[in-house]
Amino acid sequence: MENIETLIVIVSAITLFIYGLQSFSREIENFGEERLSKWIGKLTKWSVGSFALGAVVTGIIQSSTFVSSLTVSLVNSGVISFRDSLLILLGTNVGTTSTAWIVSIQSSFLGPFIIVLGTLISMIPGRVAVAGKSIFYFGFIFFALSLISDAMQPIKDDPILVEVLSKASNPLLGILYGIIITVIIQSSSVVVGLVIVLISQGTIDLSIAIPIVVGANIGTTSTALLVSFKMTPISRLVALSASLFNVIGVLLMFPFFDILEHIAINFSEIPSLQVAMAFTISNTFTSIFFFVFLTPTVRLLQKHRWYREGVRE
């Protein structure tokens, strides 16, 4: 009975965390979605601009899923080219690592403080009130994360949980865990947050954390794929490309997981920061790799029948 109650509390805390992320993302979107579309039209004139746009917007909105889905929609409507969409998606991979750095801040005081600050600002009449709501939900993310941490304390040494998670010490299983959980939850940010909570409590170590967060990168592309199937063939190819980028990126990094772990450990003694660093290195490497080889990659993808069908349309 006690375990069931603990499980209910954990699920409730995770639900609040997801709600906080979605609400924060929604408030930011409402604040500047129209401007965002204009910026995309201007900045995509340069390769670096498209890449930076994907990174910065994802870092601010805290939702790679939203940016990826928006990119697919913009390709569908003809606002941006196929090449520009790929650059934005590569930037998104870098921007999404900001979540790991944010949630790695372990402070039970920070969440309530930001919530109160956001509440006070939202009481100010005018446009500022919208910003206050965004700040409120930003604090809510930290607050929910601290609830998850507290809720998991009673079961952090539970034999069943430890046994299940220990299987992720096999990198392939760890990656699979990350993919499956992210597809179910539809948020890599939540998965990264949970991994940081677990490693901070000593339930898992870095060798388990790295494969899971890297696997989450693959799982998070499932939303854009589902959205794209109702759109043009080129839009579907953009979504498929995002998945291929992340799958190939994982395959490229897989032989170097030990080196990645070593670098992260040398970077900091704090486990949560180690996860953030490993996640950042992995995603940045993948994005830079495809950025350098973008031209041959685009040529290869343009041979796909979806691209040819889209051009004929």
Protein backbone atom coordinates (compact mmCIF):
# COMPACT_ATOMS: atom_id res chain seq x y z
CA MET A 1 0.00 0.00 0.00
CA GLU A 2 2.83 2.36 0.89
CA ASN A 3 4.53 1.71 -2.47
CA ILE A 4 1.29 2.47 -4.32
CA GLU A 5 0.92 5.78 -2.48
CA THR A 6 4.54 6.66 -3.27
CA LEU A 7 3.99 5.80 -6.95
CA ILE A 8 0.89 8.02 -7.09
CA VAL A 9 2.84 10.92 -5.57
CA ILE A 10 5.70 10.43 -8.08
CA VAL A 11 3.32 10.29 -11.07
CA SER A 12 1.53 13.40 -9.78
CA ALA A 13 4.84 15.26 -9.42
CA ILE A 14 5.92 14.23 -12.94
CA THR A 15 2.53 15.38 -14.26
CA LEU A 16 3.07 18.78 -12.65
CA PHE A 17 6.56 18.94 -14.20
CA ILE A 18 5.12 18.21 -17.66
CA TYR A 19 2.36 20.77 -17.06
CA GLY A 20 4.95 23.38 -16.07
CA LEU A 21 7.05 22.76 -19.19
CA GLN A 22 4.02 22.84 -21.51
CA SER A 23 2.55 25.95 -19.89
CA PHE A 24 5.88 27.81 -19.99
CA SER A 25 6.32 26.86 -23.64
CA ARG A 26 2.74 27.93 -24.45
CA GLU A 27 3.12 31.33 -22.76
CA ILE A 28 6.35 32.03 -24.65
CA GLU A 29 4.69 30.95 -27.91
CA ASN A 30 1.70 33.24 -27.28
CA PHE A 31 4.06 36.07 -26.44
CA GLY A 32 5.85 35.96 -29.77
CA GLU A 33 4.67 33.28 -32.20
CA GLU A 34 3.83 35.83 -34.90
CA ARG A 35 7.20 37.55 -34.48
CA LEU A 36 8.91 34.17 -34.52
CA SER A 37 7.56 33.41 -37.99
CA LYS A 38 8.87 36.79 -39.23
CA TRP A 39 12.31 36.18 -37.69
CA ILE A 40 12.46 32.78 -39.34
CA GLY A 41 11.76 34.36 -42.72
CA LYS A 42 14.58 36.89 -42.24
CA LEU A 43 17.25 34.79 -40.53
CA THR A 44 16.98 31.80 -42.85
CA LYS A 45 18.73 33.84 -45.55
CA TRP A 46 22.02 32.68 -44.00
CA SER A 47 23.04 29.14 -43.02
CA VAL A 48 24.47 30.26 -39.67
CA GLY A 49 21.33 32.34 -39.07
CA SER A 50 19.07 29.32 -39.55
CA PHE A 51 21.23 27.19 -37.27
CA ALA A 52 21.40 29.89 -34.58
CA LEU A 53 17.66 30.48 -34.83
CA GLY A 54 16.91 26.84 -34.07
CA ALA A 55 19.31 26.85 -31.10
CA VAL A 56 18.19 30.15 -29.56
CA VAL A 57 14.43 29.67 -29.99
CA THR A 58 14.57 26.14 -28.56
CA GLY A 59 16.67 27.38 -25.65
CA ILE A 60 14.12 30.10 -24.88
CA ILE A 61 10.91 28.14 -25.45
CA GLN A 62 12.29 24.96 -23.83
CA SER A 63 10.52 22.77 -26.36
CA SER A 64 12.38 21.14 -29.23
CA THR A 65 9.12 19.37 -30.07
CA PHE A 66 7.37 22.70 -30.72
CA VAL A 67 10.23 24.11 -32.82
CA SER A 68 10.53 20.90 -34.85
CA SER A 69 6.77 20.78 -35.47
CA LEU A 70 6.72 24.50 -36.37
CA THR A 71 9.61 23.97 -38.80
CA VAL A 72 7.75 21.14 -40.50
CA SER A 73 4.65 23.38 -40.76
CA LEU A 74 6.67 26.25 -42.28
CA VAL A 75 8.11 23.92 -44.91
CA ASN A 76 4.59 22.68 -45.59
CA SER A 77 3.40 26.27 -46.20
CA GLY A 78 6.45 27.14 -48.30
CA VAL A 79 7.79 29.83 -45.92
CA ILE A 80 11.24 28.20 -45.70
CA SER A 81 13.22 25.87 -47.94
CA PHE A 82 14.07 22.24 -47.32
CA ARG A 83 17.74 23.12 -46.68
CA ASP A 84 16.86 25.88 -44.20
CA SER A 85 14.56 23.54 -42.30
CA LEU A 86 17.41 21.08 -41.79
CA LEU A 87 19.64 23.85 -40.44
CA ILE A 88 16.95 24.91 -37.96
CA LEU A 89 16.56 21.30 -36.79
CA LEU A 90 20.32 20.99 -36.27
CA GLY A 91 20.24 24.16 -34.18
CA THR A 92 17.31 22.77 -32.21
CA ASN A 93 19.48 19.84 -31.14
CA VAL A 94 21.92 22.27 -29.52
CA GLY A 95 19.21 24.48 -27.99
CA THR A 96 17.43 21.58 -26.30
CA THR A 97 20.50 20.95 -24.10
CA SER A 98 19.69 24.15 -22.19
CA THR A 99 16.99 22.19 -20.35
CA ALA A 100 19.63 19.92 -18.81
CA TRP A 101 21.59 22.93 -17.51
CA ILE A 102 18.46 24.55 -16.10
CA VAL A 103 17.16 21.49 -14.24
CA SER A 104 20.67 20.64 -12.99
CA ILE A 105 20.35 23.60 -10.62
CA GLN A 106 19.45 21.84 -7.39
CA SER A 107 17.61 24.38 -5.23
CA SER A 108 14.34 23.94 -3.33
CA PHE A 109 14.24 27.73 -2.77
CA LEU A 110 14.58 28.84 -6.41
CA GLY A 111 11.22 27.49 -7.65
CA PRO A 112 8.95 29.17 -5.07
CA PHE A 113 10.95 32.42 -5.38
CA ILE A 114 10.45 32.59 -9.17
CA ILE A 115 6.77 31.63 -8.79
CA VAL A 116 6.18 34.54 -6.39
CA LEU A 117 8.15 36.89 -8.67
CA GLY A 118 6.10 35.81 -11.69
CA THR A 119 2.85 36.25 -9.77
CA LEU A 120 3.78 39.81 -8.77
CA ILE A 121 4.81 40.75 -12.31
CA SER A 122 1.62 39.26 -13.79
CA MET A 123 -0.39 41.67 -11.62
CA ILE A 124 1.11 44.63 -13.48
CA PRO A 125 -1.36 45.87 -16.14
CA GLY A 126 -0.47 45.65 -19.82
CA ARG A 127 1.95 43.56 -21.86
CA VAL A 128 4.22 42.96 -18.87
CA ALA A 129 1.59 40.67 -17.34
CA VAL A 130 2.18 38.16 -20.16
CA ALA A 131 5.88 38.01 -19.27
CA GLY A 132 4.87 37.48 -15.63
CA LYS A 133 2.97 34.33 -16.56
CA SER A 134 6.03 32.96 -18.37
CA ILE A 135 8.18 33.64 -15.31
CA PHE A 136 5.58 31.98 -13.07
CA TYR A 137 5.62 28.75 -15.09
CA PHE A 138 9.40 28.85 -15.31
CA GLY A 139 9.49 28.76 -11.51
CA PHE A 140 6.82 26.06 -11.56
CA ILE A 141 9.24 23.82 -13.50
CA PHE A 142 11.81 24.05 -10.68
CA PHE A 143 9.14 23.57 -8.03
CA ALA A 144 7.77 20.42 -9.72
CA LEU A 145 11.29 19.06 -10.12
CA SER A 146 11.92 19.44 -6.39
CA LEU A 147 8.62 17.61 -5.74
CA ILE A 148 9.80 14.74 -7.96
CA SER A 149 13.09 14.60 -6.07
CA ASP A 150 11.32 14.50 -2.70
CA ALA A 151 8.76 11.94 -3.91
CA MET A 152 11.47 9.56 -5.15
CA GLN A 153 13.46 9.59 -1.92
CA PRO A 154 11.56 6.64 -0.34
CA ILE A 155 12.16 4.34 -3.34
CA LYS A 156 15.60 5.43 -4.53
CA ASP A 157 17.11 2.24 -3.04
CA ASP A 158 14.17 0.00 -3.93
CA PRO A 159 15.60 -3.35 -5.20
CA ILE A 160 13.18 -3.56 -8.16
CA LEU A 161 13.90 0.00 -9.31
CA VAL A 162 17.64 -0.47 -8.90
CA GLU A 163 17.54 -3.75 -10.85
CA VAL A 164 15.51 -2.26 -13.72
CA LEU A 165 17.75 0.79 -14.01
CA SER A 166 20.95 -1.24 -13.66
CA LYS A 167 20.08 -2.98 -16.94
CA ALA A 168 20.61 0.38 -18.61
CA SER A 169 24.32 0.00 -17.85
CA ASN A 170 24.22 -1.85 -21.17
CA PRO A 171 24.38 1.22 -23.47
CA LEU A 172 22.04 -0.30 -26.07
CA LEU A 173 19.36 -0.96 -23.44
CA GLY A 174 19.93 2.49 -21.97
CA ILE A 175 19.36 4.09 -25.38
CA LEU A 176 16.23 1.97 -25.83
CA TYR A 177 14.95 3.08 -22.40
CA GLY A 178 15.44 6.71 -23.43
CA ILE A 179 13.62 6.24 -26.74
CA ILE A 180 10.62 4.38 -25.29
CA ILE A 181 10.09 6.69 -22.30
CA THR A 182 10.37 9.80 -24.49
CA VAL A 183 7.92 8.46 -27.08
CA ILE A 184 5.43 7.73 -24.27
CA ILE A 185 5.86 11.05 -22.44
CA GLN A 186 6.46 13.05 -25.67
CA SER A 187 9.11 15.19 -24.01
CA SER A 188 12.86 14.67 -23.91
CA SER A 189 13.04 17.51 -21.36
CA VAL A 190 11.04 15.46 -18.86
CA VAL A 191 13.27 12.42 -19.41
CA VAL A 192 16.43 14.50 -18.92
CA GLY A 193 14.91 16.01 -15.77
CA LEU A 194 14.10 12.56 -14.34
CA VAL A 195 17.60 11.29 -15.15
CA ILE A 196 19.13 14.27 -13.35
CA VAL A 197 16.95 13.60 -10.29
CA LEU A 198 17.98 9.92 -10.26
CA ILE A 199 21.70 10.61 -10.63
CA SER A 200 21.57 13.35 -7.99
CA GLN A 201 20.06 10.85 -5.54
CA GLY A 202 22.67 8.22 -6.38
CA THR A 203 20.12 5.79 -7.85
CA ILE A 204 22.03 5.66 -11.16
CA ASP A 205 25.52 6.63 -12.25
CA LEU A 206 26.77 8.52 -15.29
CA SER A 207 27.33 5.36 -17.36
CA ILE A 208 23.58 4.72 -17.16
CA ALA A 209 22.50 8.36 -17.49
CA ILE A 210 24.34 9.07 -20.75
CA PRO A 211 22.68 6.35 -22.91
CA ILE A 212 19.22 7.28 -21.59
CA VAL A 213 19.48 11.02 -22.37
CA VAL A 214 21.07 10.29 -25.75
CA GLY A 215 18.24 7.86 -26.52
CA ALA A 216 15.73 10.56 -25.57
CA ASN A 217 17.07 12.55 -28.53
CA ILE A 218 15.74 9.91 -30.90
CA GLY A 219 12.39 9.54 -29.13
CA THR A 220 11.65 13.26 -29.20
CA THR A 221 11.47 13.31 -33.02
CA SER A 222 8.38 11.08 -32.99
CA THR A 223 6.01 14.05 -32.56
CA ALA A 224 7.21 15.86 -35.68
CA LEU A 225 6.97 12.59 -37.61
CA LEU A 226 3.34 12.09 -36.58
CA VAL A 227 2.46 15.72 -37.38
CA SER A 228 4.13 15.54 -40.81
CA PHE A 229 2.06 12.64 -42.14
CA LYS A 230 -0.86 15.01 -42.67
CA MET A 231 1.33 17.42 -44.66
CA THR A 232 3.25 17.57 -47.95
CA PRO A 233 5.82 14.92 -48.93
CA ILE A 234 8.69 17.38 -48.35
CA SER A 235 7.37 18.09 -44.83
CA ARG A 236 7.43 14.35 -44.14
CA LEU A 237 11.00 14.21 -45.41
CA VAL A 238 12.01 17.05 -43.06
CA ALA A 239 10.59 15.15 -40.08
CA LEU A 240 12.25 11.94 -41.23
CA SER A 241 15.55 13.82 -41.60
CA ALA A 242 15.34 14.98 -37.98
CA SER A 243 15.03 11.36 -36.86
CA LEU A 244 17.89 10.26 -39.12
CA PHE A 245 20.15 13.02 -37.80
CA ASN A 246 19.62 11.88 -34.23
CA VAL A 247 19.90 8.16 -34.98
CA ILE A 248 23.14 8.65 -36.93
CA GLY A 249 24.40 11.01 -34.22
CA VAL A 250 23.88 8.31 -31.58
CA LEU A 251 25.66 5.74 -33.76
CA LEU A 252 28.60 8.11 -34.21
CA MET A 253 28.83 8.82 -30.47
CA PHE A 254 28.21 5.25 -29.31
CA PRO A 255 31.87 4.07 -29.50
CA PHE A 256 32.94 7.13 -27.51
CA PHE A 257 30.55 6.89 -24.54
CA ASP A 258 33.47 6.07 -22.21
CA ILE A 259 35.40 9.14 -23.40
CA LEU A 260 32.25 11.25 -23.05
CA GLU A 261 31.82 10.02 -19.49
CA HIS A 262 35.47 10.79 -18.70
CA ILE A 263 35.18 14.36 -20.02
CA ALA A 264 31.96 14.96 -18.05
CA ILE A 265 33.49 13.66 -14.81
CA ASN A 266 36.53 15.89 -15.25
CA PHE A 267 34.25 18.86 -15.95
CA SER A 268 32.51 18.75 -12.57
CA GLU A 269 32.13 16.70 -9.42
CA ILE A 270 28.39 17.44 -9.39
CA PRO A 271 26.49 14.55 -11.07
CA SER A 272 23.71 16.73 -12.50
CA LEU A 273 26.24 18.99 -14.23
CA GLN A 274 28.02 15.92 -15.58
CA VAL A 275 24.80 14.83 -17.29
CA ALA A 276 24.27 18.32 -18.71
CA MET A 277 27.82 18.43 -20.10
CA ALA A 278 27.63 14.94 -21.65
CA PHE A 279 24.25 15.75 -23.21
CA THR A 280 25.59 19.04 -24.61
CA ILE A 281 28.73 17.48 -26.10
CA SER A 282 26.76 14.68 -27.75
CA ASN A 283 24.15 16.96 -29.32
CA THR A 284 26.63 19.64 -30.35
CA PHE A 285 28.87 17.06 -32.02
CA THR A 286 25.95 15.67 -34.04
CA SER A 287 24.81 19.14 -35.13
CA ILE A 288 28.30 20.30 -36.13
CA PHE A 289 28.94 17.06 -38.03
CA PHE A 290 25.83 17.46 -40.20
CA PHE A 291 26.36 21.23 -40.51
CA VAL A 292 29.79 20.58 -42.06
CA PHE A 293 28.44 17.90 -44.38
CA LEU A 294 25.11 19.61 -45.05
CA THR A 295 25.47 19.97 -48.83
CA PRO A 296 26.07 16.26 -49.56
CA THR A 297 23.41 15.38 -46.97
CA VAL A 298 20.83 17.59 -48.71
CA ARG A 299 21.73 16.12 -52.11
CA LEU A 300 21.31 12.61 -50.75
CA LEU A 301 17.94 13.38 -49.13
CA GLN A 302 16.70 15.08 -52.30
CA LYS A 303 16.91 11.72 -54.05
CA HIS A 304 14.15 10.41 -51.77
CA ARG A 305 10.79 9.98 -53.52
CA TRP A 306 9.07 12.30 -51.00
CA TYR A 307 11.27 15.17 -52.17
CA ARG A 308 10.58 14.45 -55.85
CA GLU A 309 6.84 14.20 -55.14
CA GLY A 310 6.97 17.51 -53.27
CA VAL A 311 8.77 19.27 -56.12
CA ARG A 312 6.19 18.01 -58.64
CA GLU A 313 3.42 19.41 -56.46
